[in-house]
N, C-alpha and C. Protein backbone atom coordinates (compact mmCIF):
# COMPACT_ATOMS: atom_id res chain seq x y z
N MET A 1 0.85 -1.18 0.00
CA MET A 1 0.00 0.00 0.00
C MET A 1 0.89 1.24 0.00
N PRO A 2 0.69 2.14 -0.94
CA PRO A 2 1.52 3.35 -0.99
C PRO A 2 1.27 4.25 0.21
N ARG A 3 2.34 4.89 0.64
CA ARG A 3 2.26 5.79 1.78
C ARG A 3 2.17 7.22 1.26
N THR A 4 0.99 7.64 0.91
CA THR A 4 0.81 8.98 0.38
C THR A 4 0.81 10.00 1.51
N ALA A 5 1.05 11.23 1.14
CA ALA A 5 1.08 12.31 2.14
C ALA A 5 -0.26 12.42 2.87
N ASP A 6 -1.37 12.22 2.16
CA ASP A 6 -2.69 12.29 2.80
C ASP A 6 -2.87 11.17 3.82
N LYS A 7 -2.43 9.97 3.49
CA LYS A 7 -2.57 8.85 4.43
C LYS A 7 -1.69 9.06 5.66
N ILE A 8 -0.51 9.59 5.46
CA ILE A 8 0.38 9.87 6.59
C ILE A 8 -0.24 10.94 7.49
N LEU A 9 -0.80 11.98 6.89
CA LEU A 9 -1.45 13.03 7.66
C LEU A 9 -2.63 12.47 8.46
N GLN A 10 -3.40 11.58 7.85
CA GLN A 10 -4.52 10.95 8.55
C GLN A 10 -4.02 10.15 9.75
N LYS A 11 -2.92 9.41 9.58
CA LYS A 11 -2.33 8.66 10.70
C LYS A 11 -1.95 9.59 11.84
N LYS A 12 -1.31 10.71 11.50
CA LYS A 12 -0.88 11.67 12.52
C LYS A 12 -2.09 12.24 13.26
N ARG A 13 -3.14 12.56 12.54
CA ARG A 13 -4.33 13.13 13.18
C ARG A 13 -5.02 12.12 14.08
N ARG A 14 -5.11 10.86 13.63
CA ARG A 14 -5.72 9.81 14.47
C ARG A 14 -4.91 9.63 15.76
N ALA A 15 -3.60 9.59 15.62
CA ALA A 15 -2.75 9.40 16.79
C ALA A 15 -2.87 10.58 17.75
N ALA A 16 -2.90 11.79 17.21
CA ALA A 16 -2.98 12.99 18.05
C ALA A 16 -4.30 13.05 18.81
N ALA A 17 -5.36 12.51 18.23
CA ALA A 17 -6.68 12.56 18.86
C ALA A 17 -6.95 11.38 19.79
N ASP A 18 -6.06 10.41 19.81
CA ASP A 18 -6.29 9.22 20.62
C ASP A 18 -6.28 9.57 22.10
N PRO A 19 -7.34 9.24 22.84
CA PRO A 19 -7.40 9.58 24.26
C PRO A 19 -6.40 8.79 25.12
N ASP A 20 -5.89 7.69 24.60
CA ASP A 20 -4.94 6.86 25.34
C ASP A 20 -3.49 7.23 25.06
N ARG A 21 -3.28 8.29 24.33
CA ARG A 21 -1.93 8.72 23.97
C ARG A 21 -1.13 9.06 25.24
N PRO A 22 -0.04 8.34 25.48
CA PRO A 22 0.76 8.61 26.68
C PRO A 22 1.79 9.70 26.44
N GLY A 23 2.57 9.98 27.44
CA GLY A 23 3.69 10.92 27.28
C GLY A 23 3.37 12.32 27.71
N ASP A 24 4.13 13.23 27.16
CA ASP A 24 4.07 14.62 27.59
C ASP A 24 3.68 15.56 26.45
N ARG A 25 2.99 15.01 25.43
CA ARG A 25 2.47 15.82 24.32
C ARG A 25 3.54 16.70 23.66
N CYS A 26 4.74 16.19 23.52
CA CYS A 26 5.86 16.88 22.88
C CYS A 26 6.41 18.04 23.71
N HIS A 27 6.08 18.09 25.00
CA HIS A 27 6.56 19.17 25.85
C HIS A 27 7.72 18.76 26.75
N ALA A 28 8.12 17.50 26.70
CA ALA A 28 9.21 17.03 27.55
C ALA A 28 10.55 17.51 27.00
N ALA A 29 11.52 17.58 27.86
CA ALA A 29 12.88 17.90 27.41
C ALA A 29 13.35 16.77 26.50
N ALA A 30 14.01 17.13 25.43
CA ALA A 30 14.50 16.13 24.47
C ALA A 30 15.36 15.10 25.19
N GLY A 31 15.06 13.83 24.94
CA GLY A 31 15.84 12.74 25.50
C GLY A 31 15.49 12.35 26.92
N SER A 32 14.53 13.02 27.54
CA SER A 32 14.20 12.67 28.92
C SER A 32 13.34 11.40 28.99
N TRP A 33 12.51 11.15 28.00
CA TRP A 33 11.74 9.92 27.90
C TRP A 33 12.43 9.03 26.88
N THR A 34 12.22 7.72 26.97
CA THR A 34 12.90 6.79 26.07
C THR A 34 11.91 5.91 25.32
N PRO A 35 11.95 5.92 23.99
CA PRO A 35 11.13 4.98 23.23
C PRO A 35 11.81 3.61 23.21
N ALA A 36 11.02 2.56 23.40
CA ALA A 36 11.57 1.20 23.40
C ALA A 36 10.77 0.33 22.43
N VAL A 37 11.47 -0.33 21.51
CA VAL A 37 10.84 -1.17 20.50
C VAL A 37 10.93 -2.63 20.94
N ASP A 38 9.80 -3.31 20.94
CA ASP A 38 9.75 -4.74 21.24
C ASP A 38 9.89 -5.48 19.92
N ARG A 39 11.05 -6.04 19.66
CA ARG A 39 11.31 -6.70 18.37
C ARG A 39 10.51 -7.98 18.19
N THR A 40 9.93 -8.51 19.27
CA THR A 40 9.09 -9.69 19.13
C THR A 40 7.72 -9.33 18.58
N ARG A 41 7.38 -8.05 18.61
CA ARG A 41 6.07 -7.59 18.12
C ARG A 41 6.17 -6.75 16.85
N CYS A 42 7.27 -6.05 16.66
CA CYS A 42 7.41 -5.12 15.53
C CYS A 42 7.35 -5.87 14.20
N GLU A 43 6.53 -5.36 13.29
CA GLU A 43 6.43 -5.92 11.94
C GLU A 43 6.81 -4.89 10.88
N ALA A 44 7.56 -3.88 11.28
CA ALA A 44 8.12 -2.88 10.36
C ALA A 44 7.05 -2.20 9.50
N GLU A 45 5.94 -1.83 10.11
CA GLU A 45 4.86 -1.21 9.36
C GLU A 45 5.08 0.28 9.12
N ARG A 46 6.07 0.87 9.76
CA ARG A 46 6.51 2.24 9.53
C ARG A 46 5.60 3.33 10.09
N ASP A 47 4.57 2.97 10.82
CA ASP A 47 3.70 4.00 11.38
C ASP A 47 4.48 4.91 12.33
N CYS A 48 5.42 4.35 13.07
CA CYS A 48 6.23 5.15 13.98
C CYS A 48 7.03 6.20 13.21
N VAL A 49 7.58 5.80 12.08
CA VAL A 49 8.36 6.73 11.24
C VAL A 49 7.44 7.82 10.71
N ASP A 50 6.25 7.42 10.29
CA ASP A 50 5.31 8.37 9.69
C ASP A 50 4.82 9.44 10.65
N VAL A 51 4.57 9.07 11.91
CA VAL A 51 3.95 10.03 12.83
C VAL A 51 4.91 10.77 13.74
N CYS A 52 6.13 10.29 13.90
CA CYS A 52 7.07 10.93 14.83
C CYS A 52 7.51 12.30 14.30
N PRO A 53 7.24 13.36 15.05
CA PRO A 53 7.62 14.70 14.59
C PRO A 53 9.11 15.02 14.77
N ASN A 54 9.84 14.14 15.46
CA ASN A 54 11.25 14.42 15.74
C ASN A 54 12.21 13.43 15.09
N ASP A 55 11.73 12.67 14.13
CA ASP A 55 12.56 11.73 13.37
C ASP A 55 13.37 10.80 14.27
N VAL A 56 12.73 10.30 15.30
CA VAL A 56 13.38 9.39 16.24
C VAL A 56 13.56 8.00 15.63
N PHE A 57 12.62 7.58 14.79
CA PHE A 57 12.58 6.20 14.30
C PHE A 57 13.09 6.05 12.87
N GLU A 58 13.55 4.83 12.61
CA GLU A 58 13.81 4.40 11.24
C GLU A 58 13.51 2.91 11.19
N VAL A 59 13.12 2.44 10.03
CA VAL A 59 12.91 1.01 9.82
C VAL A 59 14.03 0.53 8.92
N ARG A 60 14.72 -0.52 9.40
CA ARG A 60 15.85 -1.05 8.65
C ARG A 60 16.03 -2.53 8.97
N ARG A 61 16.98 -3.12 8.32
CA ARG A 61 17.27 -4.54 8.53
C ARG A 61 17.68 -4.77 9.99
N ILE A 62 17.13 -5.83 10.57
CA ILE A 62 17.43 -6.14 11.97
C ILE A 62 18.91 -6.48 12.12
N GLU A 63 19.49 -6.00 13.21
CA GLU A 63 20.90 -6.27 13.49
C GLU A 63 21.09 -7.76 13.83
N PRO A 64 22.21 -8.35 13.42
CA PRO A 64 22.44 -9.78 13.67
C PRO A 64 22.28 -10.17 15.14
N ASP A 65 22.79 -9.37 16.07
CA ASP A 65 22.67 -9.69 17.50
C ASP A 65 21.22 -9.66 17.96
N ASP A 66 20.44 -8.70 17.44
CA ASP A 66 19.02 -8.63 17.80
C ASP A 66 18.26 -9.82 17.24
N PHE A 67 18.60 -10.21 16.01
CA PHE A 67 17.95 -11.37 15.39
C PHE A 67 18.29 -12.64 16.16
N ALA A 68 19.54 -12.79 16.54
CA ALA A 68 19.99 -13.99 17.27
C ALA A 68 19.28 -14.13 18.61
N ALA A 69 18.90 -13.02 19.22
CA ALA A 69 18.26 -13.05 20.54
C ALA A 69 16.79 -13.46 20.48
N LEU A 70 16.21 -13.52 19.29
CA LEU A 70 14.80 -13.86 19.14
C LEU A 70 14.56 -15.36 19.22
N GLY A 71 13.37 -15.73 19.62
CA GLY A 71 12.97 -17.14 19.61
C GLY A 71 12.70 -17.59 18.18
N VAL A 72 12.59 -18.88 17.99
CA VAL A 72 12.41 -19.45 16.65
C VAL A 72 11.16 -18.91 15.96
N GLY A 73 10.04 -18.89 16.66
CA GLY A 73 8.80 -18.39 16.06
C GLY A 73 8.90 -16.94 15.65
N THR A 74 9.52 -16.13 16.49
CA THR A 74 9.67 -14.71 16.17
C THR A 74 10.64 -14.52 15.01
N LYS A 75 11.68 -15.33 14.95
CA LYS A 75 12.61 -15.26 13.81
C LYS A 75 11.87 -15.51 12.51
N LEU A 76 10.97 -16.48 12.49
CA LEU A 76 10.20 -16.75 11.28
C LEU A 76 9.34 -15.55 10.90
N LYS A 77 8.73 -14.92 11.91
CA LYS A 77 7.91 -13.73 11.64
C LYS A 77 8.78 -12.61 11.07
N VAL A 78 9.94 -12.40 11.66
CA VAL A 78 10.86 -11.35 11.18
C VAL A 78 11.29 -11.66 9.75
N LEU A 79 11.57 -12.89 9.45
CA LEU A 79 11.94 -13.28 8.08
C LEU A 79 10.80 -12.99 7.11
N ALA A 80 9.57 -13.24 7.53
CA ALA A 80 8.41 -12.97 6.69
C ALA A 80 8.26 -11.47 6.40
N HIS A 81 8.80 -10.64 7.27
CA HIS A 81 8.74 -9.18 7.09
C HIS A 81 10.06 -8.63 6.55
N ARG A 82 10.74 -9.47 5.78
CA ARG A 82 11.98 -9.08 5.08
C ARG A 82 13.09 -8.65 6.03
N ARG A 83 13.08 -9.19 7.25
CA ARG A 83 14.10 -8.89 8.26
C ARG A 83 14.15 -7.41 8.63
N LEU A 84 13.03 -6.74 8.55
CA LEU A 84 12.97 -5.32 8.88
C LEU A 84 12.36 -5.13 10.26
N THR A 85 12.82 -4.09 10.94
CA THR A 85 12.28 -3.73 12.25
C THR A 85 12.56 -2.25 12.50
N ALA A 86 11.87 -1.70 13.47
CA ALA A 86 12.08 -0.29 13.83
C ALA A 86 13.25 -0.17 14.81
N TYR A 87 14.01 0.90 14.62
CA TYR A 87 15.10 1.26 15.53
C TYR A 87 14.93 2.74 15.89
N THR A 88 15.61 3.15 16.95
CA THR A 88 15.51 4.54 17.43
C THR A 88 16.89 5.20 17.42
N PRO A 89 17.45 5.46 16.24
CA PRO A 89 18.79 6.05 16.19
C PRO A 89 18.85 7.47 16.73
N ASN A 90 17.70 8.12 16.79
CA ASN A 90 17.64 9.50 17.29
C ASN A 90 16.83 9.59 18.56
N ALA A 91 16.96 8.60 19.44
CA ALA A 91 16.18 8.57 20.68
C ALA A 91 16.41 9.82 21.53
N GLY A 92 17.58 10.40 21.43
CA GLY A 92 17.87 11.61 22.19
C GLY A 92 17.03 12.81 21.79
N ALA A 93 16.37 12.72 20.63
CA ALA A 93 15.50 13.80 20.17
C ALA A 93 14.05 13.61 20.62
N CYS A 94 13.76 12.48 21.27
CA CYS A 94 12.39 12.19 21.69
C CYS A 94 11.92 13.22 22.72
N ARG A 95 10.73 13.77 22.47
CA ARG A 95 10.12 14.75 23.38
C ARG A 95 8.80 14.22 23.96
N ALA A 96 8.67 12.87 23.93
CA ALA A 96 7.52 12.18 24.54
C ALA A 96 6.18 12.59 23.96
N CYS A 97 6.11 12.68 22.64
CA CYS A 97 4.82 13.04 22.02
C CYS A 97 3.79 11.93 22.22
N GLY A 98 4.25 10.68 22.26
CA GLY A 98 3.35 9.55 22.43
C GLY A 98 2.58 9.17 21.17
N LEU A 99 2.78 9.90 20.09
CA LEU A 99 2.04 9.63 18.85
C LEU A 99 2.31 8.22 18.33
N TRP A 100 3.56 7.84 18.34
CA TRP A 100 3.94 6.54 17.76
C TRP A 100 3.49 5.38 18.63
N VAL A 101 3.29 5.61 19.94
CA VAL A 101 2.80 4.54 20.81
C VAL A 101 1.41 4.12 20.35
N VAL A 102 0.53 5.08 20.12
CA VAL A 102 -0.83 4.76 19.72
C VAL A 102 -0.95 4.47 18.22
N ALA A 103 0.00 4.92 17.41
CA ALA A 103 -0.05 4.67 15.98
C ALA A 103 0.40 3.26 15.61
N CYS A 104 1.24 2.66 16.41
CA CYS A 104 1.77 1.33 16.10
C CYS A 104 0.66 0.29 16.13
N PRO A 105 0.36 -0.34 15.00
CA PRO A 105 -0.74 -1.31 14.98
C PRO A 105 -0.42 -2.61 15.71
N LYS A 106 0.83 -2.84 16.04
CA LYS A 106 1.24 -4.08 16.71
C LYS A 106 1.58 -3.87 18.18
N ASP A 107 1.34 -2.67 18.71
CA ASP A 107 1.66 -2.36 20.11
C ASP A 107 3.09 -2.75 20.44
N ALA A 108 4.00 -2.42 19.52
CA ALA A 108 5.40 -2.85 19.67
C ALA A 108 6.30 -1.79 20.29
N ILE A 109 5.75 -0.62 20.58
CA ILE A 109 6.60 0.46 21.09
C ILE A 109 6.04 0.96 22.41
N THR A 110 6.93 1.14 23.37
CA THR A 110 6.54 1.70 24.65
C THR A 110 7.33 2.97 24.90
N LEU A 111 6.81 3.77 25.80
CA LEU A 111 7.43 5.03 26.17
C LEU A 111 7.82 4.92 27.65
N VAL A 112 9.12 4.98 27.90
CA VAL A 112 9.63 4.82 29.26
C VAL A 112 9.86 6.21 29.86
N PRO A 113 9.24 6.50 31.01
CA PRO A 113 9.38 7.82 31.61
C PRO A 113 10.77 8.07 32.17
N PRO A 114 11.11 9.33 32.41
CA PRO A 114 12.45 9.68 32.87
C PRO A 114 12.84 9.04 34.19
N ASP A 115 11.87 8.74 35.04
CA ASP A 115 12.19 8.15 36.34
C ASP A 115 12.41 6.64 36.25
N GLY A 116 12.30 6.10 35.02
CA GLY A 116 12.50 4.66 34.84
C GLY A 116 11.31 3.84 35.32
N GLY A 117 10.21 4.51 35.61
CA GLY A 117 9.01 3.81 36.10
C GLY A 117 8.39 2.96 35.00
N ALA A 118 7.15 2.58 35.23
CA ALA A 118 6.43 1.71 34.30
C ALA A 118 6.32 2.37 32.92
N ALA A 119 6.60 1.57 31.91
CA ALA A 119 6.50 2.06 30.52
C ALA A 119 5.05 2.15 30.10
N PHE A 120 4.76 3.03 29.17
CA PHE A 120 3.42 3.22 28.64
C PHE A 120 3.35 2.64 27.25
N SER A 121 2.27 1.89 27.00
CA SER A 121 2.03 1.35 25.66
C SER A 121 0.57 1.52 25.34
N SER A 122 0.23 1.31 24.06
CA SER A 122 -1.18 1.43 23.69
C SER A 122 -1.97 0.22 24.15
N ALA A 123 -1.28 -0.85 24.52
CA ALA A 123 -1.95 -2.04 25.03
C ALA A 123 -2.32 -1.88 26.51
N GLY A 124 -2.01 -0.73 27.03
CA GLY A 124 -2.29 -0.45 28.45
C GLY A 124 -1.00 -0.42 29.20
N GLY A 125 -0.78 0.65 29.94
CA GLY A 125 0.51 0.66 30.59
C GLY A 125 0.75 1.85 31.39
């Protein structure tokens, strides 16, 4: 499915309006909150890349060490998705918008608060 500008804008608007959106609505100090990707759930759908206003995410080939750490069933799933997964190379730019938490259709991303407390996810958290 092509990722047109209109579809991306719709994703951003849905995420912004979600009442379960965690975080600090982009008002946190950069890097104070931490995005965490669960590679056992991520299917590289790119919604995190599409909605993140701070370019925190990228989808790329899974690192060999990350792939090796997965269970057999998850490895098969990752292979089915062309060995792609989300990474956070710019995590220091995260301002806790929470958009990508609610936009991820696989509930694969959590937002960890600065105090290291319980992480927030769209699956409840």
